[in-house]
Amino acid sequence: MTSEPISSMSELLSSMEPELDLDKYVYCTVPAELPRRLGTKATCSFRESEGETLILRSAEAEKHHLALQKDHSSRTLQFGSDRISSRHRW
């Protein structure tokens, strides 16, 4: 059974379902070469003038003895991307 494509922003927004990840995440800023040496599994990383900032699960940061900042949660909005109309300009 296939649903009709979504063609309005309000319908798209109302169809989204939040999903909470129960893991806690932290930001860690480390020297640029350190993540590759440690083999960390960052969810995201970006380079800054002071080093590389990683977003890691708290357990991963603790495993590598990295300085932790405040814990954060992750939420994702799930929706059926196959239902978005390709003819509509968002």
Protein backbone atom coordinates (compact mmCIF):
# COMPACT_ATOMS: atom_id res chain seq x y z
CA MET A 1 0.00 0.00 0.00
CA THR A 2 1.56 3.29 -1.13
CA SER A 3 0.62 6.64 0.37
CA GLU A 4 0.17 9.78 -1.70
CA PRO A 5 3.27 12.04 -1.94
CA ILE A 6 3.48 14.91 0.53
CA SER A 7 3.39 18.27 -1.23
CA SER A 8 2.86 20.77 1.59
CA MET A 9 5.30 21.84 4.28
CA SER A 10 2.63 21.64 7.01
CA GLU A 11 1.83 18.03 6.06
CA LEU A 12 5.55 17.17 6.03
CA LEU A 13 6.08 18.71 9.48
CA SER A 14 3.01 17.03 10.97
CA SER A 15 4.16 13.61 9.67
CA MET A 16 7.53 13.78 11.47
CA GLU A 17 8.05 11.60 14.52
CA PRO A 18 10.77 12.47 17.08
CA GLU A 19 13.14 9.67 18.05
CA LEU A 20 15.27 10.07 21.19
CA ASP A 21 18.67 8.37 21.32
CA LEU A 22 19.18 7.24 24.93
CA ASP A 23 22.99 7.54 24.67
CA LYS A 24 24.59 10.75 25.96
CA TYR A 25 26.94 12.74 23.74
CA VAL A 26 29.74 15.19 24.53
CA TYR A 27 31.85 17.73 22.68
CA CYS A 28 35.63 17.32 23.03
CA THR A 29 38.28 19.59 21.50
CA VAL A 30 41.58 17.78 20.95
CA PRO A 31 44.80 18.30 18.94
CA ALA A 32 44.07 17.74 15.22
CA GLU A 33 46.08 14.49 14.88
CA LEU A 34 44.71 12.81 18.04
CA PRO A 35 41.41 11.34 16.70
CA ARG A 36 43.21 9.31 14.02
CA ARG A 37 45.83 8.07 16.51
CA LEU A 38 43.19 6.97 19.00
CA GLY A 39 40.79 5.55 16.43
CA THR A 40 37.83 7.33 17.99
CA LYS A 41 34.36 6.81 16.57
CA ALA A 42 33.06 10.36 16.38
CA THR A 43 29.49 11.04 15.31
CA CYS A 44 30.74 14.32 13.88
CA SER A 45 34.01 16.25 13.81
CA PHE A 46 35.11 19.65 12.61
CA ARG A 47 38.41 21.50 12.57
CA GLU A 48 38.90 24.77 14.36
CA SER A 49 41.94 26.91 15.03
CA GLU A 50 42.37 25.34 18.49
CA GLY A 51 42.19 21.74 17.21
CA GLU A 52 39.54 19.25 16.16
CA THR A 53 36.17 19.24 17.90
CA LEU A 54 34.52 15.84 18.15
CA ILE A 55 30.97 14.89 19.02
CA LEU A 56 31.24 11.50 20.70
CA ARG A 57 29.16 9.20 22.83
CA SER A 58 30.13 9.85 26.46
CA ALA A 59 31.34 6.26 26.84
CA GLU A 60 33.69 6.64 23.84
CA ALA A 61 35.17 9.87 25.26
CA GLU A 62 35.65 8.28 28.69
CA LYS A 63 37.29 5.21 27.10
CA HIS A 64 39.96 7.49 25.59
CA HIS A 65 40.24 9.68 28.74
CA LEU A 66 39.18 12.82 26.86
CA ALA A 67 38.13 15.95 28.72
CA LEU A 68 34.34 16.02 28.76
CA GLN A 69 32.03 18.95 28.49
CA LYS A 70 28.34 18.84 29.39
CA ASP A 71 26.34 15.74 28.30
CA HIS A 72 23.84 16.25 25.47
CA SER A 73 21.03 14.12 24.06
CA SER A 74 20.37 13.39 20.41
CA ARG A 75 16.94 13.60 18.83
CA THR A 76 16.11 12.77 15.23
CA LEU A 77 12.95 13.67 13.36
CA GLN A 78 11.89 10.63 11.35
CA PHE A 79 9.66 10.87 8.29
CA GLY A 80 9.01 8.88 5.15
CA SER A 81 11.30 10.58 2.63
CA ASP A 82 9.82 8.36 -0.07
CA ARG A 83 6.59 10.32 0.34
CA ILE A 84 8.04 13.75 -0.54
CA SER A 85 6.80 14.97 -3.86
CA SER A 86 9.64 15.50 -6.32
CA ARG A 87 7.53 18.03 -8.23
CA HIS A 88 7.17 20.40 -5.27
CA ARG A 89 9.66 23.23 -4.63
CA TRP A 90 10.32 23.51 -0.91
